[in-house]
């Protein structure tokens, strides 16, 4: 199924920090809803995220696909993230994808508990 393939490509691009491989999966005006970065255009979100990241490791646990319109799917994964300042964190995450008719991601909602990283993240951004 194409949606599952897209989500796996997305997670691989996220893990290796490849802006080009990630952004090609998104519609030009796609929006990301992030618990740390807020609501932001996908292009800006991934520029900022990769700038703020030293290393990532992603372990996919599940992919869920809705058969309703618009097409919605979710990737459930474990994210080991090291910020650019060396601060490590680890958490379970669910990314909820809304796909356009052409199969591109037009909206992404990221869901995870930020309590373990928020203070370090905010300190790093000062």
PDB file of N, CA and C in Angstrom:
ATOM      1  N   UNK A   1       0.835  -1.180   0.000  1.00  0.00           N
ATOM      2  CA  UNK A   1       0.000   0.000   0.000  1.00  0.00           C
ATOM      3  C   UNK A   1       0.880   1.244   0.000  1.00  0.00           C
ATOM      4  N   UNK A   2       0.536   2.221  -0.820  1.00  0.00           N
ATOM      5  CA  UNK A   2       1.349   3.425  -0.997  1.00  0.00           C
ATOM      6  C   UNK A   2       1.468   4.249   0.286  1.00  0.00           C
ATOM      7  N   UNK A   3       0.399   4.355   1.051  1.00  0.00           N
ATOM      8  CA  UNK A   3       0.444   5.159   2.281  1.00  0.00           C
ATOM      9  C   UNK A   3       1.451   4.581   3.273  1.00  0.00           C
ATOM     10  N   UNK A   4       1.444   3.281   3.445  1.00  0.00           N
ATOM     11  CA  UNK A   4       2.410   2.654   4.356  1.00  0.00           C
ATOM     12  C   UNK A   4       3.837   2.887   3.867  1.00  0.00           C
ATOM     13  N   UNK A   5       4.035   2.808   2.560  1.00  0.00           N
ATOM     14  CA  UNK A   5       5.360   3.050   1.981  1.00  0.00           C
ATOM     15  C   UNK A   5       5.793   4.496   2.252  1.00  0.00           C
ATOM     16  N   UNK A   6       4.874   5.443   2.073  1.00  0.00           N
ATOM     17  CA  UNK A   6       5.185   6.854   2.315  1.00  0.00           C
ATOM     18  C   UNK A   6       5.556   7.081   3.775  1.00  0.00           C
ATOM     19  N   UNK A   7       4.815   6.489   4.692  1.00  0.00           N
ATOM     20  CA  UNK A   7       5.126   6.658   6.114  1.00  0.00           C
ATOM     21  C   UNK A   7       6.493   6.065   6.449  1.00  0.00           C
ATOM     22  N   UNK A   8       6.801   4.913   5.901  1.00  0.00           N
ATOM     23  CA  UNK A   8       8.128   4.316   6.135  1.00  0.00           C
ATOM     24  C   UNK A   8       9.239   5.185   5.548  1.00  0.00           C
ATOM     25  N   UNK A   9       9.009   5.744   4.361  1.00  0.00           N
ATOM     26  CA  UNK A   9       9.995   6.660   3.759  1.00  0.00           C
ATOM     27  C   UNK A   9      10.161   7.906   4.632  1.00  0.00           C
ATOM     28  N   UNK A  10       9.045   8.400   5.121  1.00  0.00           N
ATOM     29  CA  UNK A  10       9.069   9.571   5.999  1.00  0.00           C
ATOM     30  C   UNK A  10       9.912   9.289   7.253  1.00  0.00           C
ATOM     31  N   UNK A  11       9.656   8.169   7.911  1.00  0.00           N
ATOM     32  CA  UNK A  11      10.381   7.843   9.139  1.00  0.00           C
ATOM     33  C   UNK A  11      11.869   7.626   8.876  1.00  0.00           C
ATOM     34  N   UNK A  12      12.199   7.043   7.748  1.00  0.00           N
ATOM     35  CA  UNK A  12      13.613   6.856   7.391  1.00  0.00           C
ATOM     36  C   UNK A  12      14.282   8.206   7.159  1.00  0.00           C
ATOM     37  N   UNK A  13      13.596   9.100   6.420  1.00  0.00           N
ATOM     38  CA  UNK A  13      14.130  10.444   6.199  1.00  0.00           C
ATOM     39  C   UNK A  13      14.296  11.210   7.496  1.00  0.00           C
ATOM     40  N   UNK A  14      13.344  11.047   8.414  1.00  0.00           N
ATOM     41  CA  UNK A  14      13.426  11.684   9.725  1.00  0.00           C
ATOM     42  C   UNK A  14      14.627  11.155  10.504  1.00  0.00           C
ATOM     43  N   UNK A  15      14.820   9.847  10.472  1.00  0.00           N
ATOM     44  CA  UNK A  15      15.919   9.234  11.221  1.00  0.00           C
ATOM     45  C   UNK A  15      17.280   9.698  10.709  1.00  0.00           C
ATOM     46  N   UNK A  16      17.453   9.778   9.408  1.00  0.00           N
ATOM     47  CA  UNK A  16      18.762  10.154   8.855  1.00  0.00           C
ATOM     48  C   UNK A  16      18.923  11.658   8.690  1.00  0.00           C
ATOM     49  N   UNK A  17      17.853  12.412   8.946  1.00  0.00           N
ATOM     50  CA  UNK A  17      17.940  13.866   8.857  1.00  0.00           C
ATOM     51  C   UNK A  17      18.032  14.386   7.443  1.00  0.00           C
ATOM     52  N   UNK A  18      17.337  13.745   6.508  1.00  0.00           N
ATOM     53  CA  UNK A  18      17.384  14.144   5.109  1.00  0.00           C
ATOM     54  C   UNK A  18      16.216  15.068   4.760  1.00  0.00           C
ATOM     55  N   UNK A  19      16.497  16.358   4.706  1.00  0.00           N
ATOM     56  CA  UNK A  19      15.473  17.330   4.354  1.00  0.00           C
ATOM     57  C   UNK A  19      14.878  17.014   2.980  1.00  0.00           C
ATOM     58  N   UNK A  20      15.714  16.713   2.018  1.00  0.00           N
ATOM     59  CA  UNK A  20      15.252  16.450   0.652  1.00  0.00           C
ATOM     60  C   UNK A  20      14.324  15.237   0.595  1.00  0.00           C
ATOM     61  N   UNK A  21      14.686  14.170   1.282  1.00  0.00           N
ATOM     62  CA  UNK A  21      13.863  12.959   1.258  1.00  0.00           C
ATOM     63  C   UNK A  21      12.538  13.147   1.989  1.00  0.00           C
ATOM     64  N   UNK A  22      12.532  13.982   3.004  1.00  0.00           N
ATOM     65  CA  UNK A  22      11.293  14.251   3.751  1.00  0.00           C
ATOM     66  C   UNK A  22      10.382  15.184   2.960  1.00  0.00           C
ATOM     67  N   UNK A  23      10.913  16.314   2.523  1.00  0.00           N
ATOM     68  CA  UNK A  23      10.064  17.366   1.976  1.00  0.00           C
ATOM     69  C   UNK A  23       9.408  16.957   0.658  1.00  0.00           C
ATOM     70  N   UNK A  24      10.001  16.032  -0.062  1.00  0.00           N
ATOM     71  CA  UNK A  24       9.389  15.570  -1.319  1.00  0.00           C
ATOM     72  C   UNK A  24       8.090  14.795  -1.066  1.00  0.00           C
ATOM     73  N   UNK A  25       7.875  14.355   0.164  1.00  0.00           N
ATOM     74  CA  UNK A  25       6.664  13.610   0.516  1.00  0.00           C
ATOM     75  C   UNK A  25       5.483  14.527   0.833  1.00  0.00           C
ATOM     76  N   UNK A  26       5.741  15.829   0.972  1.00  0.00           N
ATOM     77  CA  UNK A  26       4.736  16.795   1.400  1.00  0.00           C
ATOM     78  C   UNK A  26       4.223  17.646   0.241  1.00  0.00           C
ATOM     79  N   UNK A  27       2.966  18.064   0.361  1.00  0.00           N
ATOM     80  CA  UNK A  27       2.408  19.074  -0.543  1.00  0.00           C
ATOM     81  C   UNK A  27       3.150  20.387  -0.307  1.00  0.00           C
ATOM     82  N   UNK A  28       3.194  21.272  -1.307  1.00  0.00           N
ATOM     83  CA  UNK A  28       3.945  22.527  -1.151  1.00  0.00           C
ATOM     84  C   UNK A  28       3.531  23.388   0.037  1.00  0.00           C
ATOM     85  N   UNK A  29       2.265  23.411   0.392  1.00  0.00           N
ATOM     86  CA  UNK A  29       1.797  24.247   1.500  1.00  0.00           C
ATOM     87  C   UNK A  29       1.458  23.448   2.753  1.00  0.00           C
ATOM     88  N   UNK A  30       2.039  22.272   2.887  1.00  0.00           N
ATOM     89  CA  UNK A  30       1.725  21.389   4.014  1.00  0.00           C
ATOM     90  C   UNK A  30       2.036  22.055   5.349  1.00  0.00           C
ATOM     91  N   UNK A  31       1.246  21.670   6.343  1.00  0.00           N
ATOM     92  CA  UNK A  31       1.369  22.206   7.708  1.00  0.00           C
ATOM     93  C   UNK A  31       1.718  21.065   8.665  1.00  0.00           C
ATOM     94  N   UNK A  32       2.561  21.381   9.646  1.00  0.00           N
ATOM     95  CA  UNK A  32       2.898  20.452  10.722  1.00  0.00           C
ATOM     96  C   UNK A  32       2.419  21.062  12.036  1.00  0.00           C
ATOM     97  N   UNK A  33       1.774  20.238  12.845  1.00  0.00           N
ATOM     98  CA  UNK A  33       1.370  20.631  14.207  1.00  0.00           C
ATOM     99  C   UNK A  33       2.301  19.875  15.159  1.00  0.00           C
ATOM    100  N   UNK A  34       3.194  20.605  15.799  1.00  0.00           N
ATOM    101  CA  UNK A  34       4.215  20.002  16.658  1.00  0.00           C
ATOM    102  C   UNK A  34       4.060  20.494  18.092  1.00  0.00           C
ATOM    103  N   UNK A  35       4.206  19.589  19.078  1.00  0.00           N
ATOM    104  CA  UNK A  35       4.101  20.024  20.468  1.00  0.00           C
ATOM    105  C   UNK A  35       5.219  20.976  20.904  1.00  0.00           C
ATOM    106  N   UNK A  36       6.358  20.971  20.236  1.00  0.00           N
ATOM    107  CA  UNK A  36       7.450  21.874  20.592  1.00  0.00           C
ATOM    108  C   UNK A  36       7.556  23.089  19.671  1.00  0.00           C
ATOM    109  N   UNK A  37       7.296  22.926  18.389  1.00  0.00           N
ATOM    110  CA  UNK A  37       7.480  24.001  17.416  1.00  0.00           C
ATOM    111  C   UNK A  37       6.182  24.734  17.079  1.00  0.00           C
ATOM    112  N   UNK A  38       5.038  24.183  17.500  1.00  0.00           N
ATOM    113  CA  UNK A  38       3.752  24.805  17.209  1.00  0.00           C
ATOM    114  C   UNK A  38       3.260  24.445  15.814  1.00  0.00           C
ATOM    115  N   UNK A  39       2.320  25.243  15.310  1.00  0.00           N
ATOM    116  CA  UNK A  39       1.812  25.051  13.947  1.00  0.00           C
ATOM    117  C   UNK A  39       2.732  25.807  13.000  1.00  0.00           C
ATOM    118  N   UNK A  40       3.263  25.082  12.025  1.00  0.00           N
ATOM    119  CA  UNK A  40       4.336  25.635  11.194  1.00  0.00           C
ATOM    120  C   UNK A  40       4.298  24.971   9.817  1.00  0.00           C
ATOM    121  N   UNK A  41       4.712  25.691   8.798  1.00  0.00           N
ATOM    122  CA  UNK A  41       4.822  25.109   7.458  1.00  0.00           C
ATOM    123  C   UNK A  41       5.843  23.969   7.504  1.00  0.00           C
ATOM    124  N   UNK A  42       5.568  22.892   6.780  1.00  0.00           N
ATOM    125  CA  UNK A  42       6.452  21.724   6.793  1.00  0.00           C
ATOM    126  C   UNK A  42       7.880  22.094   6.396  1.00  0.00           C
ATOM    127  N   UNK A  43       8.033  22.918   5.379  1.00  0.00           N
ATOM    128  CA  UNK A  43       9.388  23.287   4.931  1.00  0.00           C
ATOM    129  C   UNK A  43      10.198  23.905   6.064  1.00  0.00           C
ATOM    130  N   UNK A  44       9.591  24.817   6.805  1.00  0.00           N
ATOM    131  CA  UNK A  44      10.287  25.484   7.922  1.00  0.00           C
ATOM    132  C   UNK A  44      10.489  24.520   9.089  1.00  0.00           C
ATOM    133  N   UNK A  45       9.478  23.705   9.370  1.00  0.00           N
ATOM    134  CA  UNK A  45       9.582  22.761  10.482  1.00  0.00           C
ATOM    135  C   UNK A  45      10.798  21.845  10.315  1.00  0.00           C
ATOM    136  N   UNK A  46      10.953  21.243   9.147  1.00  0.00           N
ATOM    137  CA  UNK A  46      12.054  20.288   8.971  1.00  0.00           C
ATOM    138  C   UNK A  46      13.408  20.985   8.889  1.00  0.00           C
ATOM    139  N   UNK A  47      13.465  22.203   8.385  1.00  0.00           N
ATOM    140  CA  UNK A  47      14.718  22.959   8.444  1.00  0.00           C
ATOM    141  C   UNK A  47      15.122  23.164   9.905  1.00  0.00           C
ATOM    142  N   UNK A  48      14.161  23.611  10.718  1.00  0.00           N
ATOM    143  CA  UNK A  48      14.446  23.865  12.133  1.00  0.00           C
ATOM    144  C   UNK A  48      14.749  22.580  12.890  1.00  0.00           C
ATOM    145  N   UNK A  49      13.943  21.549  12.674  1.00  0.00           N
ATOM    146  CA  UNK A  49      14.150  20.279  13.381  1.00  0.00           C
ATOM    147  C   UNK A  49      15.534  19.706  13.101  1.00  0.00           C
ATOM    148  N   UNK A  50      15.934  19.670  11.833  1.00  0.00           N
ATOM    149  CA  UNK A  50      17.235  19.073  11.504  1.00  0.00           C
ATOM    150  C   UNK A  50      18.381  19.951  11.999  1.00  0.00           C
ATOM    151  N   UNK A  51      18.177  21.258  12.069  1.00  0.00           N
ATOM    152  CA  UNK A  51      19.180  22.158  12.632  1.00  0.00           C
ATOM    153  C   UNK A  51      19.339  21.907  14.137  1.00  0.00           C
ATOM    154  N   UNK A  52      18.244  21.535  14.792  1.00  0.00           N
ATOM    155  CA  UNK A  52      18.243  21.321  16.242  1.00  0.00           C
ATOM    156  C   UNK A  52      18.602  19.895  16.654  1.00  0.00           C
ATOM    157  N   UNK A  53      18.863  19.027  15.689  1.00  0.00           N
ATOM    158  CA  UNK A  53      19.079  17.603  15.953  1.00  0.00           C
ATOM    159  C   UNK A  53      20.520  17.194  15.695  1.00  0.00           C
ATOM    160  N   UNK A  54      21.076  16.451  16.652  1.00  0.00           N
ATOM    161  CA  UNK A  54      22.398  15.863  16.472  1.00  0.00           C
ATOM    162  C   UNK A  54      22.279  14.451  15.900  1.00  0.00           C
ATOM    163  N   UNK A  55      21.293  13.692  16.419  1.00  0.00           N
ATOM    164  CA  UNK A  55      21.124  12.299  15.987  1.00  0.00           C
ATOM    165  C   UNK A  55      19.710  11.843  16.320  1.00  0.00           C
ATOM    166  N   UNK A  56      19.180  10.941  15.493  1.00  0.00           N
ATOM    167  CA  UNK A  56      17.862  10.345  15.732  1.00  0.00           C
ATOM    168  C   UNK A  56      17.913   8.855  15.448  1.00  0.00           C
ATOM    169  N   UNK A  57      17.154   8.118  16.224  1.00  0.00           N
ATOM    170  CA  UNK A  57      16.938   6.696  15.943  1.00  0.00           C
ATOM    171  C   UNK A  57      15.442   6.446  16.100  1.00  0.00           C
ATOM    172  N   UNK A  58      14.858   5.818  15.094  1.00  0.00           N
ATOM    173  CA  UNK A  58      13.429   5.573  15.087  1.00  0.00           C
ATOM    174  C   UNK A  58      13.166   4.082  15.003  1.00  0.00           C
ATOM    175  N   UNK A  59      12.294   3.609  15.865  1.00  0.00           N
ATOM    176  CA  UNK A  59      11.866   2.208  15.845  1.00  0.00           C
ATOM    177  C   UNK A  59      10.359   2.188  15.600  1.00  0.00           C
ATOM    178  N   UNK A  60       9.972   1.790  14.396  1.00  0.00           N
ATOM    179  CA  UNK A  60       8.560   1.736  14.024  1.00  0.00           C
ATOM    180  C   UNK A  60       7.875   0.603  14.776  1.00  0.00           C
ATOM    181  N   UNK A  61       6.721   0.912  15.354  1.00  0.00           N
ATOM    182  CA  UNK A  61       5.934  -0.103  16.058  1.00  0.00           C
ATOM    183  C   UNK A  61       4.678  -0.472  15.280  1.00  0.00           C
ATOM    184  N   UNK A  62       3.950   0.522  14.757  1.00  0.00           N
ATOM    185  CA  UNK A  62       2.687   0.259  14.065  1.00  0.00           C
ATOM    186  C   UNK A  62       2.404   1.331  13.024  1.00  0.00           C
ATOM    187  N   UNK A  63       1.658   0.946  12.007  1.00  0.00           N
ATOM    188  CA  UNK A  63       1.068   1.893  11.065  1.00  0.00           C
ATOM    189  C   UNK A  63      -0.419   1.586  11.017  1.00  0.00           C
ATOM    190  N   UNK A  64      -1.216   2.644  11.166  1.00  0.00           N
ATOM    191  CA  UNK A  64      -2.674   2.517  11.123  1.00  0.00           C
ATOM    192  C   UNK A  64      -3.182   3.330   9.942  1.00  0.00           C
ATOM    193  N   UNK A  65      -4.082   2.756   9.138  1.00  0.00           N
ATOM    194  CA  UNK A  65      -4.597   3.440   7.960  1.00  0.00           C
ATOM    195  C   UNK A  65      -6.120   3.468   8.014  1.00  0.00           C
ATOM    196  N   UNK A  66      -6.679   4.660   7.868  1.00  0.00           N
ATOM    197  CA  UNK A  66      -8.125   4.834   7.790  1.00  0.00           C
ATOM    198  C   UNK A  66      -8.551   4.695   6.331  1.00  0.00           C
ATOM    199  N   UNK A  67      -9.746   4.246   6.123  1.00  0.00           N
ATOM    200  CA  UNK A  67     -10.241   4.117   4.753  1.00  0.00           C
ATOM    201  C   UNK A  67     -11.281   5.182   4.441  1.00  0.00           C
ATOM    202  N   UNK A  68     -11.346   6.211   5.279  1.00  0.00           N
ATOM    203  CA  UNK A  68     -12.251   7.336   5.071  1.00  0.00           C
ATOM    204  C   UNK A  68     -11.590   8.365   4.161  1.00  0.00           C
ATOM    205  N   UNK A  69     -12.366   9.333   3.711  1.00  0.00           N
ATOM    206  CA  UNK A  69     -11.840  10.460   2.950  1.00  0.00           C
ATOM    207  C   UNK A  69     -11.972  11.698   3.812  1.00  0.00           C
ATOM    208  N   UNK A  70     -10.988  12.570   3.934  1.00  0.00           N
ATOM    209  CA  UNK A  70      -9.682  12.421   3.322  1.00  0.00           C
ATOM    210  C   UNK A  70      -8.903  11.259   3.947  1.00  0.00           C
ATOM    211  N   UNK A  71      -7.923  10.776   3.232  1.00  0.00           N
ATOM    212  CA  UNK A  71      -7.141   9.635   3.693  1.00  0.00           C
ATOM    213  C   UNK A  71      -6.280  10.052   4.891  1.00  0.00           C
ATOM    214  N   UNK A  72      -6.457   9.341   5.998  1.00  0.00           N
ATOM    215  CA  UNK A  72      -5.716   9.597   7.232  1.00  0.00           C
ATOM    216  C   UNK A  72      -4.976   8.316   7.613  1.00  0.00           C
ATOM    217  N   UNK A  73      -3.757   8.485   8.115  1.00  0.00           N
ATOM    218  CA  UNK A  73      -2.987   7.340   8.602  1.00  0.00           C
ATOM    219  C   UNK A  73      -2.126   7.811   9.767  1.00  0.00           C
ATOM    220  N   UNK A  74      -1.638   6.869  10.556  1.00  0.00           N
ATOM    221  CA  UNK A  74      -0.791   7.209  11.692  1.00  0.00           C
ATOM    222  C   UNK A  74       0.376   6.246  11.779  1.00  0.00           C
ATOM    223  N   UNK A  75       1.519   6.790  12.139  1.00  0.00           N
ATOM    224  CA  UNK A  75       2.698   5.993  12.419  1.00  0.00           C
ATOM    225  C   UNK A  75       2.984   6.072  13.910  1.00  0.00           C
ATOM    226  N   UNK A  76       3.110   4.925  14.540  1.00  0.00           N
ATOM    227  CA  UNK A  76       3.396   4.821  15.975  1.00  0.00           C
ATOM    228  C   UNK A  76       4.827   4.308  16.087  1.00  0.00           C
ATOM    229  N   UNK A  77       5.682   5.080  16.744  1.00  0.00           N
ATOM    230  CA  UNK A  77       7.099   4.709  16.780  1.00  0.00           C
ATOM    231  C   UNK A  77       7.760   5.179  18.068  1.00  0.00           C
ATOM    232  N   UNK A  78       8.919   4.618  18.336  1.00  0.00           N
ATOM    233  CA  UNK A  78       9.750   5.046  19.452  1.00  0.00           C
ATOM    234  C   UNK A  78      10.849   5.931  18.869  1.00  0.00           C
ATOM    235  N   UNK A  79      11.020   7.099  19.478  1.00  0.00           N
ATOM    236  CA  UNK A  79      11.956   8.094  18.954  1.00  0.00           C
ATOM    237  C   UNK A  79      13.057   8.349  19.976  1.00  0.00           C
ATOM    238  N   UNK A  80      14.285   8.025  19.621  1.00  0.00           N
ATOM    239  CA  UNK A  80      15.462   8.380  20.402  1.00  0.00           C
ATOM    240  C   UNK A  80      16.068   9.589  19.714  1.00  0.00           C
ATOM    241  N   UNK A  81      16.088  10.727  20.415  1.00  0.00           N
ATOM    242  CA  UNK A  81      16.462  12.004  19.811  1.00  0.00           C
ATOM    243  C   UNK A  81      17.562  12.639  20.642  1.00  0.00           C
ATOM    244  N   UNK A  82      18.629  13.061  19.983  1.00  0.00           N
ATOM    245  CA  UNK A  82      19.696  13.804  20.651  1.00  0.00           C
ATOM    246  C   UNK A  82      19.712  15.207  20.045  1.00  0.00           C
ATOM    247  N   UNK A  83      19.488  16.201  20.910  1.00  0.00           N
ATOM    248  CA  UNK A  83      19.498  17.589  20.453  1.00  0.00           C
ATOM    249  C   UNK A  83      20.910  18.001  20.040  1.00  0.00           C
ATOM    250  N   UNK A  84      21.002  19.104  19.322  1.00  0.00           N
ATOM    251  CA  UNK A  84      22.311  19.564  18.841  1.00  0.00           C
ATOM    252  C   UNK A  84      23.279  19.869  19.972  1.00  0.00           C
ATOM    253  N   UNK A  85      22.753  20.167  21.177  1.00  0.00           N
ATOM    254  CA  UNK A  85      23.630  20.446  22.322  1.00  0.00           C
ATOM    255  C   UNK A  85      24.032  19.175  23.073  1.00  0.00           C
ATOM    256  N   UNK A  86      23.612  17.991  22.562  1.00  0.00           N
ATOM    257  CA  UNK A  86      23.973  16.717  23.171  1.00  0.00           C
ATOM    258  C   UNK A  86      22.946  16.161  24.140  1.00  0.00           C
ATOM    259  N   UNK A  87      21.864  16.890  24.401  1.00  0.00           N
ATOM    260  CA  UNK A  87      20.828  16.425  25.316  1.00  0.00           C
ATOM    261  C   UNK A  87      20.046  15.274  24.688  1.00  0.00           C
ATOM    262  N   UNK A  88      20.036  14.104  25.355  1.00  0.00           N
ATOM    263  CA  UNK A  88      19.274  12.973  24.817  1.00  0.00           C
ATOM    264  C   UNK A  88      17.861  12.916  25.398  1.00  0.00           C
ATOM    265  N   UNK A  89      16.951  12.392  24.619  1.00  0.00           N
ATOM    266  CA  UNK A  89      15.614  12.086  25.114  1.00  0.00           C
ATOM    267  C   UNK A  89      15.087  10.897  24.331  1.00  0.00           C
ATOM    268  N   UNK A  90      14.048  10.296  24.856  1.00  0.00           N
ATOM    269  CA  UNK A  90      13.470   9.112  24.242  1.00  0.00           C
ATOM    270  C   UNK A  90      11.986   9.087  24.595  1.00  0.00           C
ATOM    271  N   UNK A  91      11.145   8.815  23.599  1.00  0.00           N
ATOM    272  CA  UNK A  91       9.708   8.802  23.860  1.00  0.00           C
ATOM    273  C   UNK A  91       8.970   8.039  22.775  1.00  0.00           C
ATOM    274  N   UNK A  92       7.764   7.594  23.115  1.00  0.00           N
ATOM    275  CA  UNK A  92       6.850   7.023  22.131  1.00  0.00           C
ATOM    276  C   UNK A  92       6.137   8.185  21.460  1.00  0.00           C
ATOM    277  N   UNK A  93       5.887   8.050  20.171  1.00  0.00           N
ATOM    278  CA  UNK A  93       5.311   9.131  19.388  1.00  0.00           C
ATOM    279  C   UNK A  93       4.287   8.564  18.411  1.00  0.00           C
ATOM    280  N   UNK A  94       3.271   9.352  18.124  1.00  0.00           N
ATOM    281  CA  UNK A  94       2.322   9.033  17.072  1.00  0.00           C
ATOM    282  C   UNK A  94       2.272  10.232  16.138  1.00  0.00           C
ATOM    283  N   UNK A  95       2.538  10.002  14.873  1.00  0.00           N
ATOM    284  CA  UNK A  95       2.391  11.025  13.851  1.00  0.00           C
ATOM    285  C   UNK A  95       1.143  10.695  13.052  1.00  0.00           C
ATOM    286  N   UNK A  96       0.224  11.657  12.977  1.00  0.00           N
ATOM    287  CA  UNK A  96      -1.030  11.470  12.247  1.00  0.00           C
ATOM    288  C   UNK A  96      -0.925  12.255  10.941  1.00  0.00           C
ATOM    289  N   UNK A  97      -1.039  11.551   9.833  1.00  0.00           N
ATOM    290  CA  UNK A  97      -0.866  12.113   8.496  1.00  0.00           C
ATOM    291  C   UNK A  97      -2.219  12.280   7.810  1.00  0.00           C
ATOM    292  N   UNK A  98      -2.441  13.436   7.195  1.00  0.00           N
ATOM    293  CA  UNK A  98      -3.591  13.613   6.307  1.00  0.00           C
ATOM    294  C   UNK A  98      -3.023  13.791   4.909  1.00  0.00           C
ATOM    295  N   UNK A  99      -3.495  12.943   4.004  1.00  0.00           N
ATOM    296  CA  UNK A  99      -2.960  12.907   2.651  1.00  0.00           C
ATOM    297  C   UNK A  99      -3.869  13.638   1.667  1.00  0.00           C
ATOM    298  N   UNK A 100      -3.253  14.312   0.704  1.00  0.00           N
ATOM    299  CA  UNK A 100      -3.974  14.932  -0.398  1.00  0.00           C
ATOM    300  C   UNK A 100      -4.344  13.847  -1.415  1.00  0.00           C
ATOM    301  N   UNK A 101      -5.176  14.203  -2.367  1.00  0.00           N
ATOM    302  CA  UNK A 101      -5.592  13.257  -3.418  1.00  0.00           C
ATOM    303  C   UNK A 101      -4.402  12.701  -4.192  1.00  0.00           C
ATOM    304  N   UNK A 102      -3.328  13.501  -4.340  1.00  0.00           N
ATOM    305  CA  UNK A 102      -2.158  13.056  -5.097  1.00  0.00           C
ATOM    306  C   UNK A 102      -1.220  12.168  -4.284  1.00  0.00           C
ATOM    307  N   UNK A 103      -1.593  11.864  -3.029  1.00  0.00           N
ATOM    308  CA  UNK A 103      -0.771  10.987  -2.196  1.00  0.00           C
ATOM    309  C   UNK A 103       0.276  11.709  -1.368  1.00  0.00           C
ATOM    310  N   UNK A 104       0.383  13.025  -1.532  1.00  0.00           N
ATOM    311  CA  UNK A 104       1.339  13.809  -0.739  1.00  0.00           C
ATOM    312  C   UNK A 104       0.734  14.095   0.645  1.00  0.00           C
ATOM    313  N   UNK A 105       1.598  14.301   1.614  1.00  0.00           N
ATOM    314  CA  UNK A 105       1.161  14.651   2.962  1.00  0.00           C
ATOM    315  C   UNK A 105       0.795  16.132   2.953  1.00  0.00           C
ATOM    316  N   UNK A 106      -0.440  16.460   3.376  1.00  0.00           N
ATOM    317  CA  UNK A 106      -0.815  17.875   3.418  1.00  0.00           C
ATOM    318  C   UNK A 106      -0.928  18.406   4.844  1.00  0.00           C
ATOM    319  N   UNK A 107      -1.010  17.492   5.807  1.00  0.00           N
ATOM    320  CA  UNK A 107      -1.039  17.914   7.208  1.00  0.00           C
ATOM    321  C   UNK A 107      -0.498  16.790   8.076  1.00  0.00           C
ATOM    322  N   UNK A 108       0.320  17.173   9.049  1.00  0.00           N
ATOM    323  CA  UNK A 108       0.909  16.204   9.968  1.00  0.00           C
ATOM    324  C   UNK A 108       0.714  16.726  11.388  1.00  0.00           C
ATOM    325  N   UNK A 109       0.144  15.887  12.241  1.00  0.00           N
ATOM    326  CA  UNK A 109       0.004  16.208  13.656  1.00  0.00           C
ATOM    327  C   UNK A 109       0.883  15.245  14.447  1.00  0.00           C
ATOM    328  N   UNK A 110       1.804  15.800  15.196  1.00  0.00           N
ATOM    329  CA  UNK A 110       2.766  15.018  15.972  1.00  0.00           C
ATOM    330  C   UNK A 110       2.293  14.981  17.422  1.00  0.00           C
ATOM    331  N   UNK A 111       2.213  13.780  17.984  1.00  0.00           N
ATOM    332  CA  UNK A 111       1.697  13.618  19.340  1.00  0.00           C
ATOM    333  C   UNK A 111       2.723  12.858  20.193  1.00  0.00           C
ATOM    334  N   UNK A 112       3.197  13.527  21.250  1.00  0.00           N
ATOM    335  CA  UNK A 112       4.052  12.872  22.244  1.00  0.00           C
ATOM    336  C   UNK A 112       4.115  13.743  23.489  1.00  0.00           C
ATOM    337  N   UNK A 113       4.552  13.167  24.582  1.00  0.00           N
ATOM    338  CA  UNK A 113       4.688  13.857  25.854  1.00  0.00           C
ATOM    339  C   UNK A 113       6.020  14.608  25.857  1.00  0.00           C
ATOM    340  N   UNK A 114       5.965  15.927  25.959  1.00  0.00           N
ATOM    341  CA  UNK A 114       7.181  16.744  25.907  1.00  0.00           C
ATOM    342  C   UNK A 114       7.822  16.984  27.272  1.00  0.00           C
ATOM    343  N   UNK A 115       7.247  16.421  28.331  1.00  0.00           N
ATOM    344  CA  UNK A 115       7.710  16.766  29.683  1.00  0.00           C
ATOM    345  C   UNK A 115       9.191  16.461  29.908  1.00  0.00           C
ATOM    346  N   UNK A 116       9.710  15.413  29.273  1.00  0.00           N
ATOM    347  CA  UNK A 116      11.111  15.043  29.502  1.00  0.00           C
ATOM    348  C   UNK A 116      12.090  15.952  28.753  1.00  0.00           C
ATOM    349  N   UNK A 117      11.638  16.682  27.735  1.00  0.00           N
ATOM    350  CA  UNK A 117      12.567  17.429  26.900  1.00  0.00           C
ATOM    351  C   UNK A 117      12.285  18.932  26.834  1.00  0.00           C
ATOM    352  N   UNK A 118      11.106  19.361  27.212  1.00  0.00           N
ATOM    353  CA  UNK A 118      10.715  20.764  26.988  1.00  0.00           C
ATOM    354  C   UNK A 118      11.712  21.762  27.569  1.00  0.00           C
ATOM    355  N   UNK A 119      12.122  21.625  28.817  1.00  0.00           N
ATOM    356  CA  UNK A 119      13.038  22.583  29.439  1.00  0.00           C
ATOM    357  C   UNK A 119      14.371  22.612  28.709  1.00  0.00           C
ATOM    358  N   UNK A 120      14.940  21.460  28.403  1.00  0.00           N
ATOM    359  CA  UNK A 120      16.217  21.415  27.681  1.00  0.00           C
ATOM    360  C   UNK A 120      16.081  22.020  26.282  1.00  0.00           C
ATOM    361  N   UNK A 121      14.970  21.728  25.618  1.00  0.00           N
ATOM    362  CA  UNK A 121      14.712  22.253  24.287  1.00  0.00           C
ATOM    363  C   UNK A 121      14.629  23.786  24.332  1.00  0.00           C
ATOM    364  N   UNK A 122      13.870  24.308  25.280  1.00  0.00           N
ATOM    365  CA  UNK A 122      13.713  25.749  25.387  1.00  0.00           C
ATOM    366  C   UNK A 122      15.037  26.426  25.750  1.00  0.00           C
ATOM    367  N   UNK A 123      15.823  25.807  26.633  1.00  0.00           N
ATOM    368  CA  UNK A 123      17.144  26.346  26.977  1.00  0.00           C
ATOM    369  C   UNK A 123      18.052  26.374  25.764  1.00  0.00           C
ATOM    370  N   UNK A 124      18.010  25.328  24.951  1.00  0.00           N
ATOM    371  CA  UNK A 124      18.843  25.260  23.755  1.00  0.00           C
ATOM    372  C   UNK A 124      18.466  26.341  22.755  1.00  0.00           C
ATOM    373  N   UNK A 125      17.187  26.693  22.670  1.00  0.00           N
ATOM    374  CA  UNK A 125      16.696  27.659  21.693  1.00  0.00           C
ATOM    375  C   UNK A 125      16.972  29.124  22.089  1.00  0.00           C
ATOM    376  N   UNK A 126      17.449  29.342  23.317  1.00  0.00           N
ATOM    377  CA  UNK A 126      17.732  30.717  23.783  1.00  0.00           C
ATOM    378  C   UNK A 126      18.936  31.297  23.081  1.00  0.00           C
TER     379      UNK A 126
END
